[in-house]
Structure formats: C-alpha cells, structure tokens
Amino acid sequence: MLEIPYREIPIIEHYQIDSNSLQSQEIEGYTLLSKSELDPHDYFFWRVPHDCLLFSIKKGYKVLVKMQNYVDNGKNALAFINGEEATLIKLYYEEDKIILQPANIEDPPRMIFKLLDK
C-alpha cells in the first residue's frame, strides 16, 4: 500500500478550555500539509478572530499551531488564560514572573507570578 505524504490538519474557528479542562472547538474544515514539513506533534490551524497588530495578522488569517506544553522566552504562543478563549501572545520570563503580551497591542500585558521552590 502506498503511503500518503500529507496530513490532514483541522482548521479551528473557536477554541476554548472550560472550567472542567475540557476543550471545546468548532472545526470549519481541513487543510492538507506535507508530512515532510511537520514533526510528529499535533497541529491545528486557528482562524484568528480579530486583528493582531503585534504580529501583523489580520482577522480571518489562519495560524498554524503546534500543540506543546512549553514556550521559549520571547516566542509567540496561543494561550488560554483563566478559561477564556484562545488568544495570541508573546511570552517572556522575567525572574519570578511570566509576562504575557497580547497580540492586540491595545490590551495590557498580563503578569503571572511563578511559585518558587524552597
């Protein structure tokens, strides 16, 4: 049997984590991407619901998201904060806090204080 060199990647219009840590999503369709361009992690396209001025991304653009639990300092991420809908951020680590700079520059940064090991 011939292996298909593409993966179906879902396009998600709405993505949220509710209070029970369950993900709710609305899949609007799928896009094919070459397997040679992707590592084995889970991916999805996220349909951006509003302009993201920090990244020059317009409402309706599709952003390829790699599912992972860690983001390097200064990198972009799709974040879920306090059960809200997903939002694009730039993440910074500073001493005892994490700073989340929203992609919409009109929104103020959020600071999260890390627990320090004793």
PDB file of N, CA and C in Angstrom:
ATOM      1  N   MET A   1       0.842  -1.175   0.000  1.00  0.00           N
ATOM      2  CA  MET A   1       0.000   0.000   0.000  1.00  0.00           C
ATOM      3  C   MET A   1       0.891   1.243   0.000  1.00  0.00           C
ATOM      4  N   LEU A   2       0.555   2.222  -0.797  1.00  0.00           N
ATOM      5  CA  LEU A   2       1.307   3.453  -0.929  1.00  0.00           C
ATOM      6  C   LEU A   2       0.964   4.418   0.210  1.00  0.00           C
ATOM      7  N   GLU A   3       2.000   4.937   0.896  1.00  0.00           N
ATOM      8  CA  GLU A   3       1.758   5.875   1.996  1.00  0.00           C
ATOM      9  C   GLU A   3       1.466   7.262   1.445  1.00  0.00           C
ATOM     10  N   ILE A   4       0.459   7.926   1.991  1.00  0.00           N
ATOM     11  CA  ILE A   4       0.092   9.279   1.565  1.00  0.00           C
ATOM     12  C   ILE A   4       1.039  10.266   2.238  1.00  0.00           C
ATOM     13  N   PRO A   5       1.714  11.137   1.459  1.00  0.00           N
ATOM     14  CA  PRO A   5       2.716  12.041   2.032  1.00  0.00           C
ATOM     15  C   PRO A   5       2.137  13.313   2.657  1.00  0.00           C
ATOM     16  N   TYR A   6       0.839  13.321   2.947  1.00  0.00           N
ATOM     17  CA  TYR A   6       0.202  14.508   3.510  1.00  0.00           C
ATOM     18  C   TYR A   6      -0.534  14.158   4.794  1.00  0.00           C
ATOM     19  N   ARG A   7      -0.707  15.194   5.636  1.00  0.00           N
ATOM     20  CA  ARG A   7      -1.524  15.064   6.852  1.00  0.00           C
ATOM     21  C   ARG A   7      -2.682  16.036   6.751  1.00  0.00           C
ATOM     22  N   GLU A   8      -3.839  15.607   7.237  1.00  0.00           N
ATOM     23  CA  GLU A   8      -4.997  16.484   7.336  1.00  0.00           C
ATOM     24  C   GLU A   8      -4.878  17.284   8.619  1.00  0.00           C
ATOM     25  N   ILE A   9      -4.852  18.595   8.506  1.00  0.00           N
ATOM     26  CA  ILE A   9      -4.738  19.475   9.672  1.00  0.00           C
ATOM     27  C   ILE A   9      -6.065  20.213   9.827  1.00  0.00           C
ATOM     28  N   PRO A  10      -6.724  20.112  10.997  1.00  0.00           N
ATOM     29  CA  PRO A  10      -8.013  20.788  11.172  1.00  0.00           C
ATOM     30  C   PRO A  10      -7.853  22.312  11.229  1.00  0.00           C
ATOM     31  N   ILE A  11      -8.867  23.007  10.743  1.00  0.00           N
ATOM     32  CA  ILE A  11      -8.947  24.465  10.854  1.00  0.00           C
ATOM     33  C   ILE A  11      -9.993  24.740  11.926  1.00  0.00           C
ATOM     34  N   ILE A  12      -9.549  25.348  13.028  1.00  0.00           N
ATOM     35  CA  ILE A  12     -10.421  25.575  14.176  1.00  0.00           C
ATOM     36  C   ILE A  12     -10.770  27.057  14.260  1.00  0.00           C
ATOM     37  N   GLU A  13     -12.060  27.316  14.282  1.00  0.00           N
ATOM     38  CA  GLU A  13     -12.535  28.701  14.318  1.00  0.00           C
ATOM     39  C   GLU A  13     -12.680  29.197  15.761  1.00  0.00           C
ATOM     40  N   HIS A  14     -13.047  28.313  16.641  1.00  0.00           N
ATOM     41  CA  HIS A  14     -13.304  28.687  18.038  1.00  0.00           C
ATOM     42  C   HIS A  14     -12.646  27.628  18.911  1.00  0.00           C
ATOM     43  N   TYR A  15     -11.843  28.069  19.869  1.00  0.00           N
ATOM     44  CA  TYR A  15     -11.148  27.099  20.723  1.00  0.00           C
ATOM     45  C   TYR A  15     -11.157  27.646  22.141  1.00  0.00           C
ATOM     46  N   GLN A  16     -11.624  26.845  23.087  1.00  0.00           N
ATOM     47  CA  GLN A  16     -11.731  27.295  24.472  1.00  0.00           C
ATOM     48  C   GLN A  16     -11.546  26.111  25.409  1.00  0.00           C
ATOM     49  N   ILE A  17     -10.990  26.388  26.575  1.00  0.00           N
ATOM     50  CA  ILE A  17     -10.904  25.380  27.623  1.00  0.00           C
ATOM     51  C   ILE A  17     -11.887  25.795  28.704  1.00  0.00           C
ATOM     52  N   ASP A  18     -12.839  24.926  29.007  1.00  0.00           N
ATOM     53  CA  ASP A  18     -13.848  25.297  30.001  1.00  0.00           C
ATOM     54  C   ASP A  18     -13.372  24.963  31.415  1.00  0.00           C
ATOM     55  N   SER A  19     -14.211  25.204  32.381  1.00  0.00           N
ATOM     56  CA  SER A  19     -13.837  25.042  33.794  1.00  0.00           C
ATOM     57  C   SER A  19     -13.488  23.600  34.155  1.00  0.00           C
ATOM     58  N   ASN A  20     -13.932  22.648  33.374  1.00  0.00           N
ATOM     59  CA  ASN A  20     -13.613  21.241  33.624  1.00  0.00           C
ATOM     60  C   ASN A  20     -12.388  20.780  32.852  1.00  0.00           C
ATOM     61  N   SER A  21     -11.623  21.717  32.294  1.00  0.00           N
ATOM     62  CA  SER A  21     -10.429  21.440  31.493  1.00  0.00           C
ATOM     63  C   SER A  21     -10.741  20.663  30.218  1.00  0.00           C
ATOM     64  N   LEU A  22     -11.968  20.725  29.768  1.00  0.00           N
ATOM     65  CA  LEU A  22     -12.329  20.095  28.507  1.00  0.00           C
ATOM     66  C   LEU A  22     -12.213  21.126  27.398  1.00  0.00           C
ATOM     67  N   GLN A  23     -11.772  20.688  26.256  1.00  0.00           N
ATOM     68  CA  GLN A  23     -11.611  21.598  25.138  1.00  0.00           C
ATOM     69  C   GLN A  23     -12.885  21.617  24.316  1.00  0.00           C
ATOM     70  N   SER A  24     -13.351  22.807  23.991  1.00  0.00           N
ATOM     71  CA  SER A  24     -14.463  22.909  23.059  1.00  0.00           C
ATOM     72  C   SER A  24     -13.929  23.598  21.813  1.00  0.00           C
ATOM     73  N   GLN A  25     -14.299  23.084  20.673  1.00  0.00           N
ATOM     74  CA  GLN A  25     -13.773  23.626  19.441  1.00  0.00           C
ATOM     75  C   GLN A  25     -14.795  23.503  18.332  1.00  0.00           C
ATOM     76  N   GLU A  26     -14.666  24.366  17.360  1.00  0.00           N
ATOM     77  CA  GLU A  26     -15.505  24.303  16.180  1.00  0.00           C
ATOM     78  C   GLU A  26     -14.585  24.134  14.981  1.00  0.00           C
ATOM     79  N   ILE A  27     -14.620  22.964  14.366  1.00  0.00           N
ATOM     80  CA  ILE A  27     -13.780  22.699  13.204  1.00  0.00           C
ATOM     81  C   ILE A  27     -14.540  23.120  11.960  1.00  0.00           C
ATOM     82  N   GLU A  28     -13.928  24.030  11.196  1.00  0.00           N
ATOM     83  CA  GLU A  28     -14.584  24.529   9.982  1.00  0.00           C
ATOM     84  C   GLU A  28     -14.160  23.768   8.738  1.00  0.00           C
ATOM     85  N   GLY A  29     -13.114  22.953   8.844  1.00  0.00           N
ATOM     86  CA  GLY A  29     -12.646  22.186   7.698  1.00  0.00           C
ATOM     87  C   GLY A  29     -11.240  21.668   7.947  1.00  0.00           C
ATOM     88  N   TYR A  30     -10.578  21.245   6.880  1.00  0.00           N
ATOM     89  CA  TYR A  30      -9.236  20.680   6.982  1.00  0.00           C
ATOM     90  C   TYR A  30      -8.366  21.207   5.846  1.00  0.00           C
ATOM     91  N   THR A  31      -7.054  21.259   6.102  1.00  0.00           N
ATOM     92  CA  THR A  31      -6.061  21.612   5.096  1.00  0.00           C
ATOM     93  C   THR A  31      -5.030  20.497   5.046  1.00  0.00           C
ATOM     94  N   LEU A  32      -4.552  20.177   3.863  1.00  0.00           N
ATOM     95  CA  LEU A  32      -3.515  19.166   3.721  1.00  0.00           C
ATOM     96  C   LEU A  32      -2.144  19.832   3.760  1.00  0.00           C
ATOM     97  N   LEU A  33      -1.235  19.266   4.572  1.00  0.00           N
ATOM     98  CA  LEU A  33       0.149  19.722   4.616  1.00  0.00           C
ATOM     99  C   LEU A  33       1.058  18.527   4.417  1.00  0.00           C
ATOM    100  N   SER A  34       2.193  18.772   3.810  1.00  0.00           N
ATOM    101  CA  SER A  34       3.169  17.715   3.568  1.00  0.00           C
ATOM    102  C   SER A  34       3.714  17.189   4.888  1.00  0.00           C
ATOM    103  N   LYS A  35       3.764  15.879   5.030  1.00  0.00           N
ATOM    104  CA  LYS A  35       4.320  15.270   6.240  1.00  0.00           C
ATOM    105  C   LYS A  35       5.782  15.637   6.418  1.00  0.00           C
ATOM    106  N   SER A  36       6.501  15.901   5.331  1.00  0.00           N
ATOM    107  CA  SER A  36       7.924  16.245   5.424  1.00  0.00           C
ATOM    108  C   SER A  36       8.140  17.613   6.070  1.00  0.00           C
ATOM    109  N   GLU A  37       7.104  18.470   6.105  1.00  0.00           N
ATOM    110  CA  GLU A  37       7.216  19.788   6.710  1.00  0.00           C
ATOM    111  C   GLU A  37       6.884  19.786   8.201  1.00  0.00           C
ATOM    112  N   LEU A  38       6.350  18.685   8.709  1.00  0.00           N
ATOM    113  CA  LEU A  38       5.860  18.641  10.086  1.00  0.00           C
ATOM    114  C   LEU A  38       6.579  17.559  10.874  1.00  0.00           C
ATOM    115  N   ASP A  39       6.831  17.846  12.160  1.00  0.00           N
ATOM    116  CA  ASP A  39       7.314  16.781  13.037  1.00  0.00           C
ATOM    117  C   ASP A  39       6.087  16.016  13.539  1.00  0.00           C
ATOM    118  N   PRO A  40       6.273  14.987  14.349  1.00  0.00           N
ATOM    119  CA  PRO A  40       5.121  14.158  14.721  1.00  0.00           C
ATOM    120  C   PRO A  40       4.151  14.770  15.739  1.00  0.00           C
ATOM    121  N   HIS A  41       4.350  15.996  16.176  1.00  0.00           N
ATOM    122  CA  HIS A  41       3.438  16.619  17.142  1.00  0.00           C
ATOM    123  C   HIS A  41       2.063  16.863  16.519  1.00  0.00           C
ATOM    124  N   ASP A  42       1.101  17.160  17.401  1.00  0.00           N
ATOM    125  CA  ASP A  42      -0.236  17.527  16.942  1.00  0.00           C
ATOM    126  C   ASP A  42      -0.238  18.989  16.523  1.00  0.00           C
ATOM    127  N   TYR A  43      -0.925  19.269  15.440  1.00  0.00           N
ATOM    128  CA  TYR A  43      -1.044  20.623  14.913  1.00  0.00           C
ATOM    129  C   TYR A  43      -2.503  20.921  14.616  1.00  0.00           C
ATOM    130  N   PHE A  44      -2.822  22.220  14.565  1.00  0.00           N
ATOM    131  CA  PHE A  44      -4.096  22.659  14.015  1.00  0.00           C
ATOM    132  C   PHE A  44      -3.913  24.077  13.491  1.00  0.00           C
ATOM    133  N   PHE A  45      -4.778  24.464  12.579  1.00  0.00           N
ATOM    134  CA  PHE A  45      -4.830  25.854  12.142  1.00  0.00           C
ATOM    135  C   PHE A  45      -5.879  26.545  12.990  1.00  0.00           C
ATOM    136  N   TRP A  46      -5.562  27.738  13.449  1.00  0.00           N
ATOM    137  CA  TRP A  46      -6.511  28.532  14.232  1.00  0.00           C
ATOM    138  C   TRP A  46      -6.915  29.722  13.396  1.00  0.00           C
ATOM    139  N   ARG A  47      -8.212  29.924  13.229  1.00  0.00           N
ATOM    140  CA  ARG A  47      -8.737  31.068  12.481  1.00  0.00           C
ATOM    141  C   ARG A  47      -8.746  32.268  13.427  1.00  0.00           C
ATOM    142  N   VAL A  48      -7.952  33.285  13.142  1.00  0.00           N
ATOM    143  CA  VAL A  48      -7.786  34.445  14.019  1.00  0.00           C
ATOM    144  C   VAL A  48      -9.078  35.263  14.037  1.00  0.00           C
ATOM    145  N   PRO A  49      -9.665  35.486  15.249  1.00  0.00           N
ATOM    146  CA  PRO A  49     -10.962  36.156  15.328  1.00  0.00           C
ATOM    147  C   PRO A  49     -10.904  37.685  15.284  1.00  0.00           C
ATOM    148  N   HIS A  50      -9.707  38.266  15.426  1.00  0.00           N
ATOM    149  CA  HIS A  50      -9.572  39.729  15.408  1.00  0.00           C
ATOM    150  C   HIS A  50      -8.154  40.090  14.970  1.00  0.00           C
ATOM    151  N   ASP A  51      -7.945  41.335  14.564  1.00  0.00           N
ATOM    152  CA  ASP A  51      -6.612  41.771  14.153  1.00  0.00           C
ATOM    153  C   ASP A  51      -5.619  41.627  15.301  1.00  0.00           C
ATOM    154  N   CYS A  52      -4.433  41.163  14.990  1.00  0.00           N
ATOM    155  CA  CYS A  52      -3.353  41.014  15.965  1.00  0.00           C
ATOM    156  C   CYS A  52      -2.213  41.922  15.520  1.00  0.00           C
ATOM    157  N   LEU A  53      -2.268  43.159  15.963  1.00  0.00           N
ATOM    158  CA  LEU A  53      -1.352  44.182  15.467  1.00  0.00           C
ATOM    159  C   LEU A  53       0.101  43.873  15.765  1.00  0.00           C
ATOM    160  N   LEU A  54       0.382  43.255  16.903  1.00  0.00           N
ATOM    161  CA  LEU A  54       1.757  42.937  17.291  1.00  0.00           C
ATOM    162  C   LEU A  54       2.420  42.018  16.270  1.00  0.00           C
ATOM    163  N   PHE A  55       1.650  41.135  15.655  1.00  0.00           N
ATOM    164  CA  PHE A  55       2.194  40.172  14.705  1.00  0.00           C
ATOM    165  C   PHE A  55       1.810  40.477  13.259  1.00  0.00           C
ATOM    166  N   SER A  56       1.130  41.586  13.016  1.00  0.00           N
ATOM    167  CA  SER A  56       0.649  41.958  11.673  1.00  0.00           C
ATOM    168  C   SER A  56      -0.227  40.862  11.068  1.00  0.00           C
ATOM    169  N   ILE A  57      -1.082  40.284  11.900  1.00  0.00           N
ATOM    170  CA  ILE A  57      -2.002  39.238  11.462  1.00  0.00           C
ATOM    171  C   ILE A  57      -3.410  39.826  11.466  1.00  0.00           C
ATOM    172  N   LYS A  58      -4.102  39.665  10.371  1.00  0.00           N
ATOM    173  CA  LYS A  58      -5.440  40.217  10.215  1.00  0.00           C
ATOM    174  C   LYS A  58      -6.511  39.194  10.599  1.00  0.00           C
ATOM    175  N   LYS A  59      -7.654  39.719  10.981  1.00  0.00           N
ATOM    176  CA  LYS A  59      -8.815  38.878  11.278  1.00  0.00           C
ATOM    177  C   LYS A  59      -9.079  37.948  10.099  1.00  0.00           C
ATOM    178  N   GLY A  60      -9.295  36.657  10.397  1.00  0.00           N
ATOM    179  CA  GLY A  60      -9.596  35.678   9.366  1.00  0.00           C
ATOM    180  C   GLY A  60      -8.394  34.900   8.873  1.00  0.00           C
ATOM    181  N   TYR A  61      -7.164  35.367   9.172  1.00  0.00           N
ATOM    182  CA  TYR A  61      -5.969  34.609   8.779  1.00  0.00           C
ATOM    183  C   TYR A  61      -5.955  33.276   9.512  1.00  0.00           C
ATOM    184  N   LYS A  62      -5.270  32.300   8.932  1.00  0.00           N
ATOM    185  CA  LYS A  62      -5.076  31.015   9.594  1.00  0.00           C
ATOM    186  C   LYS A  62      -3.642  30.964  10.125  1.00  0.00           C
ATOM    187  N   VAL A  63      -3.496  30.570  11.394  1.00  0.00           N
ATOM    188  CA  VAL A  63      -2.195  30.446  12.043  1.00  0.00           C
ATOM    189  C   VAL A  63      -1.976  28.972  12.370  1.00  0.00           C
ATOM    190  N   LEU A  64      -0.832  28.417  11.960  1.00  0.00           N
ATOM    191  CA  LEU A  64      -0.518  27.022  12.267  1.00  0.00           C
ATOM    192  C   LEU A  64      -0.007  26.933  13.701  1.00  0.00           C
ATOM    193  N   VAL A  65      -0.659  26.103  14.512  1.00  0.00           N
ATOM    194  CA  VAL A  65      -0.335  25.977  15.933  1.00  0.00           C
ATOM    195  C   VAL A  65       0.178  24.567  16.206  1.00  0.00           C
ATOM    196  N   LYS A  66       1.309  24.483  16.888  1.00  0.00           N
ATOM    197  CA  LYS A  66       1.879  23.201  17.313  1.00  0.00           C
ATOM    198  C   LYS A  66       1.526  23.009  18.784  1.00  0.00           C
ATOM    199  N   MET A  67       0.890  21.900  19.108  1.00  0.00           N
ATOM    200  CA  MET A  67       0.499  21.631  20.490  1.00  0.00           C
ATOM    201  C   MET A  67       1.742  21.260  21.297  1.00  0.00           C
ATOM    202  N   GLN A  68       2.010  22.026  22.365  1.00  0.00           N
ATOM    203  CA  GLN A  68       3.133  21.738  23.254  1.00  0.00           C
ATOM    204  C   GLN A  68       2.870  22.401  24.593  1.00  0.00           C
ATOM    205  N   ASN A  69       3.592  21.956  25.626  1.00  0.00           N
ATOM    206  CA  ASN A  69       3.365  22.445  26.984  1.00  0.00           C
ATOM    207  C   ASN A  69       4.312  23.555  27.404  1.00  0.00           C
ATOM    208  N   TYR A  70       5.322  23.867  26.592  1.00  0.00           N
ATOM    209  CA  TYR A  70       6.313  24.857  26.989  1.00  0.00           C
ATOM    210  C   TYR A  70       6.576  25.811  25.824  1.00  0.00           C
ATOM    211  N   VAL A  71       6.820  27.080  26.158  1.00  0.00           N
ATOM    212  CA  VAL A  71       7.150  28.097  25.162  1.00  0.00           C
ATOM    213  C   VAL A  71       8.444  28.765  25.591  1.00  0.00           C
ATOM    214  N   ASP A  72       9.380  28.890  24.672  1.00  0.00           N
ATOM    215  CA  ASP A  72      10.650  29.555  24.971  1.00  0.00           C
ATOM    216  C   ASP A  72      10.444  31.051  25.171  1.00  0.00           C
ATOM    217  N   ASN A  73      11.329  31.675  25.944  1.00  0.00           N
ATOM    218  CA  ASN A  73      11.291  33.107  26.226  1.00  0.00           C
ATOM    219  C   ASN A  73      11.295  33.916  24.923  1.00  0.00           C
ATOM    220  N   GLY A  74      10.360  34.868  24.831  1.00  0.00           N
ATOM    221  CA  GLY A  74      10.291  35.753  23.678  1.00  0.00           C
ATOM    222  C   GLY A  74       9.585  35.175  22.462  1.00  0.00           C
ATOM    223  N   LYS A  75       9.034  33.963  22.593  1.00  0.00           N
ATOM    224  CA  LYS A  75       8.366  33.313  21.459  1.00  0.00           C
ATOM    225  C   LYS A  75       6.858  33.563  21.492  1.00  0.00           C
ATOM    226  N   ASN A  76       6.238  33.359  20.353  1.00  0.00           N
ATOM    227  CA  ASN A  76       4.796  33.530  20.217  1.00  0.00           C
ATOM    228  C   ASN A  76       4.086  32.245  20.626  1.00  0.00           C
ATOM    229  N   ALA A  77       2.862  32.419  21.125  1.00  0.00           N
ATOM    230  CA  ALA A  77       2.091  31.256  21.551  1.00  0.00           C
ATOM    231  C   ALA A  77       0.600  31.563  21.444  1.00  0.00           C
ATOM    232  N   LEU A  78      -0.174  30.503  21.386  1.00  0.00           N
ATOM    233  CA  LEU A  78      -1.618  30.601  21.507  1.00  0.00           C
ATOM    234  C   LEU A  78      -1.917  30.192  22.939  1.00  0.00           C
ATOM    235  N   ALA A  79      -2.454  31.105  23.726  1.00  0.00           N
ATOM    236  CA  ALA A  79      -2.622  30.859  25.162  1.00  0.00           C
ATOM    237  C   ALA A  79      -4.093  30.840  25.557  1.00  0.00           C
ATOM    238  N   PHE A  80      -4.364  30.074  26.601  1.00  0.00           N
ATOM    239  CA  PHE A  80      -5.688  30.022  27.219  1.00  0.00           C
ATOM    240  C   PHE A  80      -5.519  30.560  28.630  1.00  0.00           C
ATOM    241  N   ILE A  81      -6.153  31.685  28.939  1.00  0.00           N
ATOM    242  CA  ILE A  81      -5.957  32.342  30.219  1.00  0.00           C
ATOM    243  C   ILE A  81      -7.285  32.379  30.972  1.00  0.00           C
ATOM    244  N   ASN A  82      -7.298  31.770  32.165  1.00  0.00           N
ATOM    245  CA  ASN A  82      -8.481  31.775  33.031  1.00  0.00           C
ATOM    246  C   ASN A  82      -9.751  31.316  32.316  1.00  0.00           C
ATOM    247  N   GLY A  83      -9.646  30.289  31.499  1.00  0.00           N
ATOM    248  CA  GLY A  83     -10.818  29.748  30.837  1.00  0.00           C
ATOM    249  C   GLY A  83     -11.352  30.589  29.696  1.00  0.00           C
ATOM    250  N   GLU A  84     -10.636  31.653  29.336  1.00  0.00           N
ATOM    251  CA  GLU A  84     -11.076  32.486  28.226  1.00  0.00           C
ATOM    252  C   GLU A  84     -10.786  31.781  26.912  1.00  0.00           C
ATOM    253  N   GLU A  85     -11.298  32.378  25.848  1.00  0.00           N
ATOM    254  CA  GLU A  85     -10.974  31.860  24.525  1.00  0.00           C
ATOM    255  C   GLU A  85      -9.489  32.006  24.265  1.00  0.00           C
ATOM    256  N   ALA A  86      -9.007  31.249  23.320  1.00  0.00           N
ATOM    257  CA  ALA A  86      -7.592  31.312  22.951  1.00  0.00           C
ATOM    258  C   ALA A  86      -7.234  32.706  22.445  1.00  0.00           C
ATOM    259  N   THR A  87      -6.001  33.120  22.726  1.00  0.00           N
ATOM    260  CA  THR A  87      -5.508  34.407  22.244  1.00  0.00           C
ATOM    261  C   THR A  87      -4.025  34.294  21.910  1.00  0.00           C
ATOM    262  N   LEU A  88      -3.585  35.015  20.892  1.00  0.00           N
ATOM    263  CA  LEU A  88      -2.169  35.028  20.535  1.00  0.00           C
ATOM    264  C   LEU A  88      -1.415  35.948  21.483  1.00  0.00           C
ATOM    265  N   ILE A  89      -0.260  35.479  21.960  1.00  0.00           N
ATOM    266  CA  ILE A  89       0.568  36.265  22.871  1.00  0.00           C
ATOM    267  C   ILE A  89       2.039  36.106  22.504  1.00  0.00           C
ATOM    268  N   LYS A  90       2.847  36.997  23.034  1.00  0.00           N
ATOM    269  CA  LYS A  90       4.299  36.829  23.061  1.00  0.00           C
ATOM    270  C   LYS A  90       4.621  36.629  24.537  1.00  0.00           C
ATOM    271  N   LEU A  91       5.391  35.589  24.860  1.00  0.00           N
ATOM    272  CA  LEU A  91       5.633  35.206  26.247  1.00  0.00           C
ATOM    273  C   LEU A  91       7.065  35.550  26.658  1.00  0.00           C
ATOM    274  N   TYR A  92       7.198  36.134  27.850  1.00  0.00           N
ATOM    275  CA  TYR A  92       8.518  36.477  28.392  1.00  0.00           C
ATOM    276  C   TYR A  92       8.633  35.943  29.817  1.00  0.00           C
ATOM    277  N   TYR A  93       9.815  35.429  30.152  1.00  0.00           N
ATOM    278  CA  TYR A  93      10.117  35.014  31.520  1.00  0.00           C
ATOM    279  C   TYR A  93      11.029  36.076  32.119  1.00  0.00           C
ATOM    280  N   GLU A  94      10.661  36.578  33.305  1.00  0.00           N
ATOM    281  CA  GLU A  94      11.459  37.584  33.993  1.00  0.00           C
ATOM    282  C   GLU A  94      11.518  37.239  35.466  1.00  0.00           C
ATOM    283  N   GLU A  95      12.667  36.826  35.944  1.00  0.00           N
ATOM    284  CA  GLU A  95      12.887  36.461  37.351  1.00  0.00           C
ATOM    285  C   GLU A  95      11.761  35.583  37.868  1.00  0.00           C
ATOM    286  N   ASP A  96      10.867  36.125  38.708  1.00  0.00           N
ATOM    287  CA  ASP A  96       9.823  35.313  39.336  1.00  0.00           C
ATOM    288  C   ASP A  96       8.461  35.455  38.669  1.00  0.00           C
ATOM    289  N   LYS A  97       8.427  35.992  37.454  1.00  0.00           N
ATOM    290  CA  LYS A  97       7.127  36.173  36.805  1.00  0.00           C
ATOM    291  C   LYS A  97       7.186  35.813  35.320  1.00  0.00           C
ATOM    292  N   ILE A  98       6.011  35.565  34.806  1.00  0.00           N
ATOM    293  CA  ILE A  98       5.822  35.314  33.381  1.00  0.00           C
ATOM    294  C   ILE A  98       4.977  36.464  32.855  1.00  0.00           C
ATOM    295  N   ILE A  99       5.408  37.067  31.750  1.00  0.00           N
ATOM    296  CA  ILE A  99       4.681  38.186  31.165  1.00  0.00           C
ATOM    297  C   ILE A  99       4.071  37.725  29.848  1.00  0.00           C
ATOM    298  N   LEU A 100       2.768  37.925  29.722  1.00  0.00           N
ATOM    299  CA  LEU A 100       2.038  37.576  28.517  1.00  0.00           C
ATOM    300  C   LEU A 100       1.657  38.873  27.807  1.00  0.00           C
ATOM    301  N   GLN A 101       2.293  39.152  26.674  1.00  0.00           N
ATOM    302  CA  GLN A 101       1.988  40.352  25.894  1.00  0.00           C
ATOM    303  C   GLN A 101       0.997  39.964  24.810  1.00  0.00           C
ATOM    304  N   PRO A 102      -0.253  40.431  24.917  1.00  0.00           N
ATOM    305  CA  PRO A 102      -1.250  40.079  23.906  1.00  0.00           C
ATOM    306  C   PRO A 102      -0.867  40.610  22.522  1.00  0.00           C
ATOM    307  N   ALA A 103      -1.293  39.903  21.493  1.00  0.00           N
ATOM    308  CA  ALA A 103      -1.016  40.320  20.127  1.00  0.00           C
ATOM    309  C   ALA A 103      -1.759  41.604  19.780  1.00  0.00           C
ATOM    310  N   ASN A 104      -2.880  41.841  20.440  1.00  0.00           N
ATOM    311  CA  ASN A 104      -3.604  43.092  20.262  1.00  0.00           C
ATOM    312  C   ASN A 104      -2.934  44.119  21.182  1.00  0.00           C
ATOM    313  N   ILE A 105      -2.164  45.033  20.604  1.00  0.00           N
ATOM    314  CA  ILE A 105      -1.354  45.955  21.414  1.00  0.00           C
ATOM    315  C   ILE A 105      -2.188  46.903  22.267  1.00  0.00           C
ATOM    316  N   GLU A 106      -3.492  46.955  22.023  1.00  0.00           N
ATOM    317  CA  GLU A 106      -4.355  47.777  22.859  1.00  0.00           C
ATOM    318  C   GLU A 106      -4.630  47.121  24.212  1.00  0.00           C
ATOM    319  N   ASP A 107      -4.442  45.801  24.308  1.00  0.00           N
ATOM    320  CA  ASP A 107      -4.647  45.083  25.564  1.00  0.00           C
ATOM    321  C   ASP A 107      -3.370  45.153  26.399  1.00  0.00           C
ATOM    322  N   PRO A 108      -3.491  45.370  27.707  1.00  0.00           N
ATOM    323  CA  PRO A 108      -2.286  45.440  28.549  1.00  0.00           C
ATOM    324  C   PRO A 108      -1.661  44.065  28.746  1.00  0.00           C
ATOM    325  N   PRO A 109      -0.348  44.027  28.989  1.00  0.00           N
ATOM    326  CA  PRO A 109       0.294  42.744  29.307  1.00  0.00           C
ATOM    327  C   PRO A 109      -0.268  42.181  30.606  1.00  0.00           C
ATOM    328  N   ARG A 110      -0.218  40.866  30.742  1.00  0.00           N
ATOM    329  CA  ARG A 110      -0.617  40.205  31.977  1.00  0.00           C
ATOM    330  C   ARG A 110       0.624  39.620  32.617  1.00  0.00           C
ATOM    331  N   MET A 111       0.714  39.733  33.926  1.00  0.00           N
ATOM    332  CA  MET A 111       1.833  39.143  34.652  1.00  0.00           C
ATOM    333  C   MET A 111       1.329  38.003  35.512  1.00  0.00           C
ATOM    334  N   ILE A 112       2.044  36.903  35.461  1.00  0.00           N
ATOM    335  CA  ILE A 112       1.729  35.736  36.282  1.00  0.00           C
ATOM    336  C   ILE A 112       2.954  35.482  37.135  1.00  0.00           C
ATOM    337  N   PHE A 113       2.776  35.434  38.440  1.00  0.00           N
ATOM    338  CA  PHE A 113       3.903  35.194  39.339  1.00  0.00           C
ATOM    339  C   PHE A 113       4.074  33.705  39.537  1.00  0.00           C
ATOM    340  N   LYS A 114       5.296  33.249  39.292  1.00  0.00           N
ATOM    341  CA  LYS A 114       5.608  31.830  39.429  1.00  0.00           C
ATOM    342  C   LYS A 114       5.830  31.482  40.896  1.00  0.00           C
ATOM    343  N   LEU A 115       5.503  30.261  41.262  1.00  0.00           N
ATOM    344  CA  LEU A 115       5.821  29.764  42.596  1.00  0.00           C
ATOM    345  C   LEU A 115       7.278  29.356  42.618  1.00  0.00           C
ATOM    346  N   LEU A 116       8.004  29.794  43.602  1.00  0.00           N
ATOM    347  CA  LEU A 116       9.427  29.468  43.698  1.00  0.00           C
ATOM    348  C   LEU A 116       9.623  28.274  44.622  1.00  0.00           C
ATOM    349  N   ASP A 117      10.474  27.347  44.194  1.00  0.00           N
ATOM    350  CA  ASP A 117      10.805  26.195  45.044  1.00  0.00           C
ATOM    351  C   ASP A 117      11.667  26.666  46.201  1.00  0.00           C
ATOM    352  N   LYS A 118      11.425  26.098  47.382  1.00  0.00           N
ATOM    353  CA  LYS A 118      12.231  26.469  48.563  1.00  0.00           C
ATOM    354  C   LYS A 118      13.283  25.449  48.816  1.00  0.00           C
TER     355      LYS A 118
END
